[in-house]
Amino acid sequence: MTERPIDALDRAKGKKIFAKLKNGDEITGVLRALDLHLNLWIDEAEIQKDGNKVRLGTVLVRGDTIVYASPVQV
């Protein structure tokens, strides 16, 4: 069976991910859930604003605002 790009994110549940948004924001946090529309539920979310990290807590990022998302290698 051919692996889909969304399968890489599905395996990253419970791990840290990085998401770049259409407005230029970059969010990192722990992926809790996702769906086929790439809506992401992220815990411990942080966003870079003016060179400072801003803690957001738990967020739901709508899939149509995402340019790309990837598991973070540590």
Protein backbone atom coordinates (compact mmCIF):
# COMPACT_ATOMS: atom_id res chain seq x y z
CA MET A 1 0.00 0.00 0.00
CA THR A 2 1.27 3.48 -0.85
CA GLU A 3 1.93 5.75 2.10
CA ARG A 4 0.26 9.15 2.09
CA PRO A 5 1.89 12.31 3.48
CA ILE A 6 -0.85 12.55 6.13
CA ASP A 7 0.29 9.14 7.45
CA ALA A 8 3.55 10.73 8.67
CA LEU A 9 1.53 13.15 10.80
CA ASP A 10 -0.75 10.37 12.01
CA ARG A 11 2.31 8.51 13.35
CA ALA A 12 3.40 11.75 15.08
CA LYS A 13 0.42 11.81 17.47
CA GLY A 14 1.75 12.44 20.96
CA LYS A 15 4.98 13.91 19.56
CA LYS A 16 6.14 17.44 18.79
CA ILE A 17 5.20 18.92 15.40
CA PHE A 18 5.84 22.13 13.48
CA ALA A 19 3.21 23.88 11.34
CA LYS A 20 3.69 26.89 9.03
CA LEU A 21 0.52 28.91 8.48
CA LYS A 22 -0.58 30.98 5.48
CA ASN A 23 -0.29 34.20 7.51
CA GLY A 24 3.40 33.43 8.15
CA ASP A 25 3.02 32.24 11.75
CA GLU A 26 4.88 29.13 12.88
CA ILE A 27 3.35 26.92 15.55
CA THR A 28 5.04 24.11 17.47
CA GLY A 29 3.49 21.77 20.00
CA VAL A 30 2.37 18.23 20.75
CA LEU A 31 -0.03 16.76 18.19
CA ARG A 32 -3.08 15.16 19.84
CA ALA A 33 -5.36 14.55 16.86
CA LEU A 34 -5.90 15.34 13.18
CA ASP A 35 -8.41 14.63 10.45
CA LEU A 36 -8.39 14.32 6.66
CA HIS A 37 -8.88 18.11 6.32
CA LEU A 38 -5.59 18.52 8.23
CA ASN A 39 -7.34 20.20 11.17
CA LEU A 40 -4.80 19.81 13.98
CA TRP A 41 -5.41 19.63 17.73
CA ILE A 42 -2.13 20.79 19.31
CA ASP A 43 -1.31 20.82 23.04
CA GLU A 44 1.47 22.95 24.59
CA ALA A 45 1.33 25.14 21.47
CA GLU A 46 3.81 27.98 21.04
CA ILE A 47 3.98 30.61 18.30
CA GLN A 48 6.82 32.92 17.30
CA LYS A 49 5.78 36.60 17.49
CA ASP A 50 8.33 39.38 16.95
CA GLY A 51 11.19 37.07 17.92
CA ASN A 52 9.49 35.96 21.16
CA LYS A 53 7.80 32.65 21.91
CA VAL A 54 4.20 33.06 23.00
CA ARG A 55 2.60 30.10 24.79
CA LEU A 56 -0.92 29.40 23.55
CA GLY A 57 -1.78 26.20 25.43
CA THR A 58 -4.20 23.94 23.55
CA VAL A 59 -5.25 25.07 20.07
CA LEU A 60 -7.19 23.79 17.10
CA VAL A 61 -5.56 24.84 13.84
CA ARG A 62 -7.91 24.78 10.88
CA GLY A 63 -6.47 22.74 8.03
CA ASP A 64 -7.10 25.30 5.30
CA THR A 65 -4.79 27.78 7.08
CA ILE A 66 -1.79 25.40 6.99
CA VAL A 67 0.92 25.65 4.34
CA TYR A 68 2.80 22.61 5.68
CA ALA A 69 3.13 20.57 8.85
CA SER A 70 5.82 18.14 9.89
CA PRO A 71 6.94 16.04 12.84
CA VAL A 72 9.93 17.58 14.63
CA GLN A 73 13.05 15.42 14.75
CA VAL A 74 14.80 15.51 18.15
